[in-house]
Protein backbone atom coordinates (compact mmCIF):
# COMPACT_ATOMS: atom_id res chain seq x y z
CA UNK A 1 -7.06 6.95 0.21
CA UNK A 2 -3.81 7.17 -1.58
CA UNK A 3 -1.37 4.35 -2.18
CA UNK A 4 2.09 3.93 -3.55
CA UNK A 5 2.56 0.41 -4.86
CA UNK A 6 6.10 -0.84 -5.26
CA UNK A 7 6.52 -3.99 -7.32
CA UNK A 8 9.23 -5.81 -5.40
CA UNK A 9 11.52 -8.80 -5.65
CA UNK A 10 11.57 -8.73 -1.86
CA UNK A 11 10.54 -6.43 0.98
CA UNK A 12 10.58 -6.35 4.76
CA UNK A 13 9.48 -4.24 7.71
CA UNK A 14 11.46 -4.05 10.95
CA UNK A 15 10.34 -2.29 14.16
CA UNK A 16 12.82 -1.72 17.01
CA UNK A 17 15.20 -4.26 15.49
CA UNK A 18 12.53 -6.97 15.18
CA UNK A 19 11.50 -8.25 11.74
CA UNK A 20 7.69 -8.11 11.62
CA UNK A 21 6.95 -8.70 7.92
CA UNK A 22 8.84 -10.13 4.98
CA UNK A 23 7.89 -11.14 1.45
CA UNK A 24 9.57 -12.21 -1.74
CA UNK A 25 7.88 -11.31 -5.05
CA UNK A 26 4.87 -9.03 -4.64
CA UNK A 27 3.72 -5.57 -3.63
CA UNK A 28 4.94 -3.26 -0.92
CA UNK A 29 2.00 -0.89 -0.49
CA UNK A 30 2.21 2.41 1.37
CA UNK A 31 -1.29 3.58 2.40
CA UNK A 32 -2.25 7.17 3.24
CA UNK A 33 -5.69 7.81 4.74
CA UNK A 34 -7.71 11.03 5.01
CA UNK A 35 -10.65 11.80 7.32
CA UNK A 36 -13.12 11.66 4.41
CA UNK A 37 -12.22 8.10 3.41
CA UNK A 38 -15.02 5.53 3.58
CA UNK A 39 -15.74 1.86 2.97
CA UNK A 40 -16.40 2.82 -0.67
CA UNK A 41 -12.79 4.01 -0.99
CA UNK A 42 -11.58 0.77 0.62
CA UNK A 43 -13.66 -1.43 -1.70
CA UNK A 44 -12.64 0.42 -4.86
CA UNK A 45 -8.95 0.59 -3.97
CA UNK A 46 -8.60 -3.02 -2.81
CA UNK A 47 -10.33 -4.23 -5.96
CA UNK A 48 -8.14 -2.06 -8.17
CA UNK A 49 -4.97 -3.34 -6.49
CA UNK A 50 -6.03 -6.99 -6.76
CA UNK A 51 -6.77 -6.64 -10.49
CA UNK A 52 -3.86 -4.35 -11.37
CA UNK A 53 -1.79 -5.99 -14.12
CA UNK A 54 1.82 -4.95 -13.58
CA UNK A 55 3.58 -8.31 -13.41
CA UNK A 56 5.34 -9.31 -16.63
CA UNK A 57 4.12 -12.14 -18.82
CA UNK A 58 6.47 -14.43 -20.80
CA UNK A 59 6.97 -11.74 -23.45
CA UNK A 60 7.88 -9.08 -20.87
CA UNK A 61 4.60 -7.13 -21.13
CA UNK A 62 2.85 -6.00 -17.94
CA UNK A 63 -0.04 -8.39 -18.22
CA UNK A 64 -0.48 -10.35 -14.97
CA UNK A 65 -2.16 -9.43 -11.70
CA UNK A 66 -0.67 -10.21 -8.31
CA UNK A 67 -3.03 -13.18 -8.05
CA UNK A 68 -1.85 -14.59 -11.39
CA UNK A 69 1.77 -14.05 -10.35
CA UNK A 70 1.12 -15.65 -6.93
CA UNK A 71 2.73 -12.65 -5.24
CA UNK A 72 2.52 -11.52 -1.63
CA UNK A 73 1.71 -8.14 -0.11
CA UNK A 74 2.87 -5.93 2.73
CA UNK A 75 0.71 -2.89 3.61
CA UNK A 76 2.36 -0.06 5.54
CA UNK A 77 0.36 2.88 6.87
CA UNK A 78 2.05 6.14 5.87
CA UNK A 79 0.34 9.41 6.77
CA UNK A 80 3.02 11.38 4.90
CA UNK A 81 1.40 10.34 1.60
CA UNK A 82 -1.23 12.96 2.38
CA UNK A 83 1.36 15.77 2.66
CA UNK A 84 0.53 19.13 1.15
CA UNK A 85 3.51 21.12 -0.09
CA UNK A 86 1.86 24.06 -1.85
CA UNK A 87 2.68 26.64 0.83
CA UNK A 88 6.17 27.04 2.26
CA UNK A 89 8.85 24.39 2.54
CA UNK A 90 7.55 22.33 5.44
CA UNK A 91 4.90 19.79 4.40
CA UNK A 92 1.49 20.05 6.01
CA UNK A 93 -0.16 16.83 7.14
CA UNK A 94 -3.48 18.40 8.08
CA UNK A 95 -5.33 16.20 5.52
CA UNK A 96 -4.02 12.97 7.04
CA UNK A 97 -6.60 11.16 9.15
CA UNK A 98 -6.21 11.14 12.93
CA UNK A 99 -5.44 7.77 14.50
CA UNK A 100 -9.00 7.22 15.76
CA UNK A 101 -10.19 7.41 12.13
CA UNK A 102 -7.16 5.96 10.37
CA UNK A 103 -6.65 2.77 12.42
CA UNK A 104 -10.12 1.29 11.77
CA UNK A 105 -9.91 2.22 8.07
CA UNK A 106 -6.41 0.72 7.82
CA UNK A 107 -7.63 -2.51 9.41
CA UNK A 108 -10.71 -2.64 7.15
CA UNK A 109 -8.51 -2.04 4.10
CA UNK A 110 -6.28 -4.97 5.04
CA UNK A 111 -9.30 -7.26 5.52
CA UNK A 112 -10.83 -6.17 2.20
CA UNK A 113 -7.53 -6.67 0.35
CA UNK A 114 -7.19 -10.14 1.90
CA UNK A 115 -10.72 -10.93 0.71
CA UNK A 116 -9.92 -9.71 -2.80
CA UNK A 117 -6.65 -11.66 -2.96
CA UNK A 118 -7.82 -14.76 -1.12
CA UNK A 119 -4.69 -14.75 1.02
CA UNK A 120 -3.13 -13.19 4.10
CA UNK A 121 -1.66 -9.70 3.77
CA UNK A 122 1.33 -8.77 5.92
CA UNK A 123 1.56 -5.35 7.54
CA UNK A 124 3.75 -2.78 9.15
CA UNK A 125 2.94 -1.51 12.65
CA UNK A 126 0.55 1.43 12.67
CA UNK A 127 2.16 4.56 14.12
CA UNK A 128 5.56 2.95 14.71
CA UNK A 129 8.90 4.11 13.38
CA UNK A 130 9.60 1.40 10.82
CA UNK A 131 12.62 0.40 8.82
CA UNK A 132 11.24 -0.61 5.44
CA UNK A 133 13.58 -2.41 3.05
CA UNK A 134 12.87 -3.37 -0.53
CA UNK A 135 14.36 -4.45 -3.78
CA UNK A 136 12.21 -2.76 -6.39
CA UNK A 137 11.42 -4.87 -9.46
CA UNK A 138 11.76 -2.87 -12.63
CA UNK A 139 11.61 -0.39 -10.94
CA UNK A 140 7.83 -0.25 -11.04
CA UNK A 141 6.07 2.28 -8.80
CA UNK A 142 2.35 3.02 -9.19
CA UNK A 143 0.36 5.79 -7.48
CA UNK A 144 -3.40 5.37 -7.02
CA UNK A 145 -5.83 7.81 -5.38
CA UNK A 146 -9.35 6.61 -4.56
CA UNK A 147 -10.76 10.14 -4.68
CA UNK A 148 -9.43 10.77 -8.18
CA UNK A 149 -10.15 7.16 -9.28
CA UNK A 150 -6.69 7.05 -10.86
């Protein structure tokens, strides 16, 4: 699993003109899943995200987790995070998990992240064309890959 975490002042997801998710301060997380991902990847990644200290403390240092900052989360499935660009100019998405694998893992990830955070996590709509809006805070953008453990 691979995520891009955007620290945001606000974020929203709209599908076919309908607002489906909206948060103020928190994380907008884009999640890319591969066929080889397992519950172990989910557990490690959700725990890492919950404990990640990228919110500023009173002195401006990145020292608080999302739980300490009382932030909210939107998770958006994004198969393009698994793009391979080594050969040619058109990205290959062959590593991205098929829907029958990705949907259950996406749903399990959301549940595990909710358990880690102790609060509801908002989502995009799996497989839909989404309009994602955000105001990045910082900007702060963090990439984490469960296979690389970084």
